[in-house]
Amino acid sequence: MLNISENKIKDLSPFKDSESLQITVASKEKKTRVKILFVSCCVVFLMLFLPWTQYIRSKGYVTMLQPEHRAQTIHSVIAGRIEKWYVREGAFVSKGDTIVSITEVKDEYFDSLLLPRTQLQVDAKNQSAISYREKVKALDGQIAALKQNNIIVKEQGRNKLEMAKLKVTSDSIRFEQAKINYEIGLKQLERTETLNQEGLRSLTDLETRKLKFQEVQASVIAAENSLLSSKNAYISALLELDAIDNDFKDKLAKAESDMFTAQSSQYDAEGSATKLENQYANYETRSGFRHILAPQDGFIAEAIQVGLGETIKEGEPIVNIVPSNGELAVEMYVSPVDLPL
């Protein structure tokens, strides 16, 4: 019931005997529950505006934000023996300061004049390469001169061959002329003998004709000999021309062989010089590794190898250094359960 009116029905009529009417009347327990619920909602609503913090526990450590600023271990690049310490633990060092010096333990690096002597070997090989290079140039010039000289000599040989050929032609014409003269002389002699037998020519004319015929015979033989000599000269000129080519090829082959040998020696000397230069650079770089330097500003945290005369291997740690400049950071692990907090 709303109980709007001042006249209460329950005062006029009792609810003892009416169970349904009793249900509609609010009890004290229900009013208490409503009040508790209302107060609880107000408290929760007010708590939303209150500052509050919840803490969790986790493990971590302090480190540097940049990797190059973190603590690092300095190793020895070469094997050696500790000669002298220049710092102590906890000391501050600047970049490039010498921390410790070591000496060589390998026999190939014991020589105190290793670098100058290696440089002398490099210079000697370079000079050897230069000499071979000049020899190659000289042989190249010699080959060019041989080719030019061969052109001139071959031209002379061709001219000589042409002259011999012309002489053969001339002697062959002279020989043909001598043979014609021989035939004419023979016919004249026969006619003179016939006329002499008939009494138309004297014996003196016959003997004169015989003498002339003998001269014609001699001229035929001389012309034939001259022709044969000219042919021999032509053959000799032809062989000489071939010999010029063969001699030129032999000289050219020998000069080119010498040039290739010189080039091979030059390349070998240059390769040896390059190898020695590389070796010299390695020696020079290795000599710089005999002094362990600070890579950056920092503090010496721990000397791992401490004894003088102590032998160390390649890549063995020597000292720990902590950089002095760097941005600090905290590295920690949070359980996934506490991640929302």
Protein backbone atom coordinates (compact mmCIF):
# COMPACT_ATOMS: atom_id res chain seq x y z
CA MET A 1 0.00 0.00 0.00
CA LEU A 2 1.22 3.52 -0.75
CA ASN A 3 -0.16 4.93 2.53
CA ILE A 4 -1.06 8.27 0.88
CA SER A 5 -4.07 8.89 2.97
CA GLU A 6 -3.86 9.66 6.64
CA ASN A 7 -6.50 7.11 7.32
CA LYS A 8 -4.71 3.82 7.67
CA ILE A 9 -6.57 0.77 6.64
CA LYS A 10 -4.55 -1.41 8.92
CA ASP A 11 -5.77 0.67 11.86
CA LEU A 12 -9.42 0.18 10.88
CA SER A 13 -9.09 -3.43 9.96
CA PRO A 14 -6.45 -5.75 11.40
CA PHE A 15 -4.28 -7.88 8.99
CA LYS A 16 -3.99 -10.84 11.27
CA ASP A 17 -6.43 -12.95 9.44
CA SER A 18 -5.39 -11.74 5.92
CA GLU A 19 -2.17 -13.38 4.76
CA SER A 20 -2.08 -11.65 1.37
CA LEU A 21 -2.35 -8.21 2.98
CA GLN A 22 0.48 -9.00 5.35
CA ILE A 23 2.79 -9.69 2.40
CA THR A 24 2.30 -6.16 1.09
CA VAL A 25 3.46 -4.55 4.29
CA ALA A 26 7.20 -3.75 4.29
CA SER A 27 9.19 -5.36 7.07
CA LYS A 28 12.10 -3.81 8.99
CA GLU A 29 14.62 -6.36 7.59
CA LYS A 30 13.82 -5.39 4.02
CA LYS A 31 14.31 -1.72 4.81
CA THR A 32 17.68 -2.49 6.38
CA ARG A 33 18.83 -4.43 3.32
CA VAL A 34 17.86 -1.56 1.02
CA LYS A 35 19.82 0.90 3.15
CA ILE A 36 22.91 -1.35 3.19
CA LEU A 37 22.76 -1.73 -0.61
CA PHE A 38 22.42 1.99 -1.12
CA VAL A 39 25.32 2.81 1.19
CA SER A 40 27.52 0.18 -0.47
CA CYS A 41 26.84 1.64 -3.92
CA CYS A 42 27.73 5.11 -2.67
CA VAL A 43 30.99 3.87 -1.12
CA VAL A 44 32.01 2.04 -4.32
CA PHE A 45 31.17 5.10 -6.41
CA LEU A 46 33.29 7.33 -4.16
CA MET A 47 36.21 4.87 -4.24
CA LEU A 48 36.44 5.31 -8.01
CA PHE A 49 37.64 8.87 -7.46
CA LEU A 50 40.21 8.03 -4.75
CA PRO A 51 44.01 7.60 -5.66
CA TRP A 52 45.27 4.07 -5.01
CA THR A 53 48.41 2.03 -5.86
CA GLN A 54 49.17 -1.68 -5.90
CA TYR A 55 52.75 -3.02 -5.76
CA ILE A 56 54.37 -6.22 -7.15
CA ARG A 57 57.82 -7.71 -6.56
CA SER A 58 60.22 -8.41 -9.45
CA LYS A 59 63.97 -9.04 -10.05
CA GLY A 60 66.26 -7.06 -12.36
CA TYR A 61 69.56 -5.20 -12.61
CA VAL A 62 70.87 -1.79 -13.59
CA THR A 63 72.49 -1.58 -17.03
CA MET A 64 73.35 0.91 -19.76
CA LEU A 65 70.80 1.83 -22.38
CA GLN A 66 73.34 1.69 -25.26
CA PRO A 67 75.23 -1.61 -25.76
CA GLU A 68 78.59 0.14 -26.26
CA HIS A 69 78.24 1.80 -22.84
CA ARG A 70 77.94 -1.47 -20.94
CA ALA A 71 80.74 -3.21 -19.08
CA GLN A 72 83.07 -5.05 -21.45
CA THR A 73 86.03 -7.37 -21.40
CA ILE A 74 89.18 -6.45 -23.32
CA HIS A 75 90.90 -9.41 -25.01
CA SER A 76 94.38 -9.88 -26.40
CA VAL A 77 94.46 -10.12 -30.18
CA ILE A 78 97.86 -11.85 -30.27
CA ALA A 79 99.60 -14.36 -28.07
CA GLY A 80 102.26 -12.89 -25.83
CA ARG A 81 103.76 -12.38 -22.41
CA ILE A 82 102.67 -9.61 -20.02
CA GLU A 83 105.51 -7.09 -19.84
CA LYS A 84 104.13 -4.13 -17.85
CA TRP A 85 100.90 -2.83 -16.29
CA TYR A 86 100.16 0.89 -16.61
CA VAL A 87 96.91 1.02 -14.56
CA ARG A 88 95.42 -0.50 -11.42
CA GLU A 89 91.94 -1.71 -10.61
CA GLY A 90 89.48 1.13 -10.07
CA ALA A 91 91.61 3.61 -12.04
CA PHE A 92 90.01 5.89 -14.62
CA VAL A 93 91.35 5.62 -18.16
CA SER A 94 90.64 7.74 -21.22
CA LYS A 95 90.15 6.41 -24.70
CA GLY A 96 93.50 5.36 -26.19
CA ASP A 97 95.36 5.08 -22.85
CA THR A 98 97.75 2.13 -22.56
CA ILE A 99 96.52 -0.45 -20.07
CA VAL A 100 99.16 -3.17 -20.41
CA SER A 101 102.01 -4.00 -22.78
CA ILE A 102 102.94 -7.49 -23.93
CA THR A 103 105.91 -9.00 -25.76
CA GLU A 104 106.02 -11.66 -28.47
CA VAL A 105 106.36 -15.35 -27.70
CA LYS A 106 106.57 -16.64 -31.30
CA ASP A 107 110.07 -16.94 -32.75
CA GLU A 108 109.17 -15.46 -36.17
CA TYR A 109 108.45 -12.11 -34.48
CA PHE A 110 111.50 -11.94 -32.19
CA ASP A 111 113.57 -9.81 -34.61
CA SER A 112 113.64 -6.21 -33.41
CA LEU A 113 114.36 -5.02 -36.99
CA LEU A 114 111.59 -7.12 -38.52
CA LEU A 115 109.77 -4.16 -40.10
CA PRO A 116 112.85 -2.46 -41.68
CA ARG A 117 114.14 -5.74 -43.09
CA THR A 118 110.75 -6.63 -44.49
CA GLN A 119 110.61 -3.17 -46.07
CA LEU A 120 113.99 -3.83 -47.71
CA GLN A 121 112.62 -7.06 -49.17
CA VAL A 122 109.59 -5.19 -50.49
CA ASP A 123 111.82 -2.54 -52.11
CA ALA A 124 114.07 -5.22 -53.66
CA LYS A 125 111.09 -7.05 -55.16
CA ASN A 126 109.66 -3.80 -56.49
CA GLN A 127 112.99 -2.94 -58.14
CA SER A 128 113.13 -6.44 -59.61
CA ALA A 129 109.63 -5.98 -61.03
CA ILE A 130 110.68 -2.60 -62.49
CA SER A 131 113.75 -4.18 -64.11
CA TYR A 132 111.68 -6.91 -65.70
CA ARG A 133 109.18 -4.29 -66.85
CA GLU A 134 111.98 -2.34 -68.56
CA LYS A 135 113.29 -5.55 -70.12
CA VAL A 136 109.81 -6.23 -71.51
CA LYS A 137 109.76 -2.74 -73.02
CA ALA A 138 113.21 -3.27 -74.56
CA LEU A 139 112.21 -6.62 -76.04
CA ASP A 140 109.01 -5.08 -77.33
CA GLY A 141 111.09 -2.42 -79.09
CA GLN A 142 113.40 -5.11 -80.42
CA ILE A 143 110.41 -7.01 -81.84
CA ALA A 144 109.13 -3.85 -83.52
CA ALA A 145 112.63 -3.23 -84.99
CA LEU A 146 112.79 -6.82 -86.23
CA LYS A 147 109.45 -6.44 -87.96
CA GLN A 148 110.49 -3.17 -89.57
CA ASN A 149 113.87 -4.58 -90.62
CA ASN A 150 112.17 -7.66 -92.01
CA ILE A 151 110.03 -5.47 -94.26
CA ILE A 152 113.15 -3.78 -95.68
CA VAL A 153 115.15 -6.98 -96.06
CA LYS A 154 112.23 -8.75 -97.73
CA GLU A 155 111.87 -5.85 -100.13
CA GLN A 156 115.57 -6.15 -100.99
CA GLY A 157 115.16 -9.90 -101.43
CA ARG A 158 112.19 -9.39 -103.74
CA ASN A 159 114.16 -6.87 -105.78
CA LYS A 160 117.08 -9.27 -106.03
CA LEU A 161 114.71 -12.06 -107.04
CA GLU A 162 113.15 -9.83 -109.69
CA MET A 163 116.61 -8.91 -111.02
CA ALA A 164 117.56 -12.59 -111.19
CA LYS A 165 114.33 -13.33 -112.98
CA LEU A 166 114.96 -10.55 -115.53
CA LYS A 167 118.51 -11.81 -116.02
CA VAL A 168 117.17 -15.31 -116.69
CA THR A 169 114.80 -13.87 -119.25
CA SER A 170 117.62 -11.85 -120.86
CA ASP A 171 120.01 -14.82 -120.92
CA SER A 172 117.32 -17.08 -122.31
CA ILE A 173 116.74 -14.60 -125.17
CA ARG A 174 120.49 -14.40 -125.76
CA PHE A 175 120.67 -18.19 -125.75
CA GLU A 176 117.84 -18.42 -128.30
CA GLN A 177 119.64 -15.85 -130.41
CA ALA A 178 122.84 -17.88 -130.15
CA LYS A 179 121.00 -21.01 -131.24
CA ILE A 180 119.55 -19.17 -134.25
CA ASN A 181 123.04 -17.88 -135.09
CA TYR A 182 124.28 -21.46 -134.76
CA GLU A 183 121.67 -22.73 -137.21
CA ILE A 184 122.44 -19.90 -139.62
CA GLY A 185 126.18 -20.49 -139.31
CA LEU A 186 125.68 -24.21 -139.84
CA LYS A 187 123.70 -23.59 -143.03
CA GLN A 188 126.27 -21.06 -144.24
CA LEU A 189 129.05 -23.55 -143.60
CA GLU A 190 127.22 -26.26 -145.48
CA ARG A 191 126.62 -23.92 -148.42
CA THR A 192 130.26 -22.82 -148.39
CA GLU A 193 131.43 -26.46 -148.41
CA THR A 194 129.08 -27.19 -151.33
CA LEU A 195 130.33 -24.15 -153.26
CA ASN A 196 133.92 -25.13 -152.50
CA GLN A 197 133.35 -28.59 -153.85
CA GLU A 198 131.85 -27.08 -156.98
CA GLY A 199 134.86 -24.75 -157.27
CA LEU A 200 132.86 -21.60 -156.73
CA ARG A 201 134.48 -20.77 -153.38
CA SER A 202 138.04 -20.91 -152.38
CA LEU A 203 139.46 -22.99 -149.61
CA THR A 204 140.26 -19.80 -147.73
CA ASP A 205 136.61 -18.80 -147.69
CA LEU A 206 135.72 -22.24 -146.41
CA GLU A 207 138.25 -22.06 -143.59
CA THR A 208 137.06 -18.54 -142.69
CA ARG A 209 133.52 -19.78 -142.53
CA LYS A 210 134.58 -22.67 -140.30
CA LEU A 211 136.29 -20.24 -137.93
CA LYS A 212 133.18 -18.11 -137.75
CA PHE A 213 131.08 -21.20 -137.19
CA GLN A 214 133.33 -22.18 -134.27
CA GLU A 215 132.80 -18.71 -132.79
CA VAL A 216 129.05 -19.21 -133.19
CA GLN A 217 129.33 -22.54 -131.39
CA ALA A 218 131.32 -20.92 -128.58
CA SER A 219 128.72 -18.14 -128.23
CA VAL A 220 125.95 -20.77 -127.95
CA ILE A 221 127.81 -22.55 -125.18
CA ALA A 222 128.56 -19.24 -123.42
CA ALA A 223 124.92 -18.16 -123.71
CA GLU A 224 123.77 -21.50 -122.32
CA ASN A 225 126.24 -21.26 -119.44
CA SER A 226 125.09 -17.71 -118.75
CA LEU A 227 121.46 -18.87 -118.80
CA LEU A 228 122.18 -21.71 -116.39
CA SER A 229 124.10 -19.32 -114.11
CA SER A 230 121.16 -16.88 -114.17
CA LYS A 231 118.77 -19.69 -113.28
CA ASN A 232 120.99 -20.68 -110.40
CA ALA A 233 121.08 -17.07 -109.26
CA TYR A 234 117.28 -16.92 -109.45
CA ILE A 235 116.96 -20.08 -107.38
CA SER A 236 119.48 -18.68 -104.88
CA ALA A 237 117.51 -15.42 -104.66
CA LEU A 238 114.30 -17.38 -104.11
CA LEU A 239 115.94 -19.47 -101.38
CA GLU A 240 117.43 -16.34 -99.85
CA LEU A 241 113.98 -14.74 -99.75
CA ASP A 242 112.62 -17.81 -97.99
CA ALA A 243 115.64 -17.76 -95.66
CA ILE A 244 114.85 -14.14 -94.78
CA ASP A 245 111.37 -15.17 -93.66
CA ASN A 246 112.68 -18.17 -91.75
CA ASP A 247 115.42 -16.15 -90.07
CA PHE A 248 112.92 -13.43 -89.18
CA LYS A 249 110.51 -15.98 -87.71
CA ASP A 250 113.32 -17.53 -85.63
CA LYS A 251 114.49 -14.16 -84.31
CA LEU A 252 110.91 -13.04 -83.69
CA ALA A 253 110.07 -16.25 -81.86
CA LYS A 254 113.19 -15.94 -79.70
CA ALA A 255 112.47 -12.28 -78.90
CA GLU A 256 108.84 -13.01 -78.07
CA SER A 257 109.88 -15.97 -75.93
CA ASP A 258 112.32 -13.74 -74.04
CA MET A 259 109.61 -11.10 -73.67
CA PHE A 260 107.10 -13.61 -72.33
CA THR A 261 109.72 -14.95 -69.93
CA ALA A 262 110.44 -11.40 -68.76
CA GLN A 263 106.71 -10.73 -68.37
CA SER A 264 106.31 -13.92 -66.34
CA SER A 265 109.23 -12.89 -64.14
CA GLN A 266 107.75 -9.40 -63.85
CA TYR A 267 104.37 -10.74 -62.74
CA ASP A 268 106.06 -13.13 -60.34
CA ALA A 269 108.11 -10.28 -58.85
CA GLU A 270 105.04 -8.06 -58.57
CA GLY A 271 103.12 -10.89 -56.89
CA SER A 272 105.98 -11.49 -54.46
CA ALA A 273 106.20 -7.74 -53.78
CA THR A 274 102.46 -7.58 -53.09
CA LYS A 275 102.73 -10.58 -50.78
CA LEU A 276 105.63 -8.95 -48.92
CA GLU A 277 103.72 -5.68 -48.67
CA ASN A 278 100.80 -7.58 -47.18
CA GLN A 279 103.17 -9.30 -44.79
CA TYR A 280 104.72 -5.95 -43.85
CA ALA A 281 101.25 -4.49 -43.16
CA ASN A 282 100.44 -7.51 -40.99
CA TYR A 283 103.69 -7.08 -39.05
CA GLU A 284 103.02 -3.37 -38.61
CA THR A 285 99.46 -3.99 -37.43
CA ARG A 286 100.61 -6.78 -35.13
CA SER A 287 103.18 -4.48 -33.52
CA GLY A 288 100.30 -2.16 -32.55
CA PHE A 289 98.56 -5.04 -30.76
CA ARG A 290 101.47 -5.31 -28.32
CA HIS A 291 99.93 -2.44 -26.35
CA ILE A 292 96.41 -3.01 -25.03
CA LEU A 293 94.58 0.33 -25.26
CA ALA A 294 91.36 1.53 -23.64
CA PRO A 295 88.56 1.50 -26.22
CA GLN A 296 86.68 4.32 -24.44
CA ASP A 297 86.60 6.38 -21.24
CA GLY A 298 85.88 4.25 -18.17
CA PHE A 299 87.06 2.58 -14.99
CA ILE A 300 89.16 -0.56 -14.66
CA ALA A 301 86.81 -2.98 -12.92
CA GLU A 302 88.96 -6.13 -12.79
CA ALA A 303 92.37 -7.27 -14.00
CA ILE A 304 91.87 -10.87 -15.12
CA GLN A 305 95.53 -11.57 -16.02
CA VAL A 306 97.64 -10.04 -13.28
CA GLY A 307 101.14 -11.52 -13.21
CA LEU A 308 104.17 -10.04 -14.95
CA GLY A 309 105.64 -12.56 -17.37
CA GLU A 310 102.37 -14.45 -17.53
CA THR A 311 101.74 -15.95 -20.97
CA ILE A 312 98.40 -15.34 -22.65
CA LYS A 313 96.84 -16.80 -25.81
CA GLU A 314 95.05 -15.17 -28.71
CA GLY A 315 91.61 -13.93 -27.73
CA GLU A 316 92.20 -14.48 -23.99
CA PRO A 317 90.52 -11.87 -21.69
CA ILE A 318 92.87 -9.47 -19.90
CA VAL A 319 90.84 -6.79 -18.13
CA ASN A 320 87.24 -5.67 -17.54
CA ILE A 321 86.35 -2.00 -18.07
CA VAL A 322 83.18 -0.12 -17.17
CA PRO A 323 82.43 2.94 -19.36
CA SER A 324 82.02 6.19 -17.46
CA ASN A 325 79.53 7.90 -19.73
CA GLY A 326 76.22 6.35 -20.59
CA GLU A 327 72.51 6.48 -19.91
CA LEU A 328 71.46 4.15 -17.09
CA ALA A 329 68.53 1.78 -17.50
CA VAL A 330 66.88 -0.98 -15.45
CA GLU A 331 66.36 -4.37 -16.96
CA MET A 332 63.77 -6.45 -15.05
CA TYR A 333 61.46 -9.40 -15.54
CA VAL A 334 57.69 -9.14 -14.77
CA SER A 335 55.56 -12.24 -14.53
CA PRO A 336 52.76 -12.38 -17.11
CA VAL A 337 50.28 -12.70 -14.21
CA ASP A 338 51.28 -9.24 -12.92
CA LEU A 339 51.51 -7.69 -16.39
CA PRO A 340 48.13 -5.80 -16.19
CA LEU A 341 49.33 -4.02 -13.03
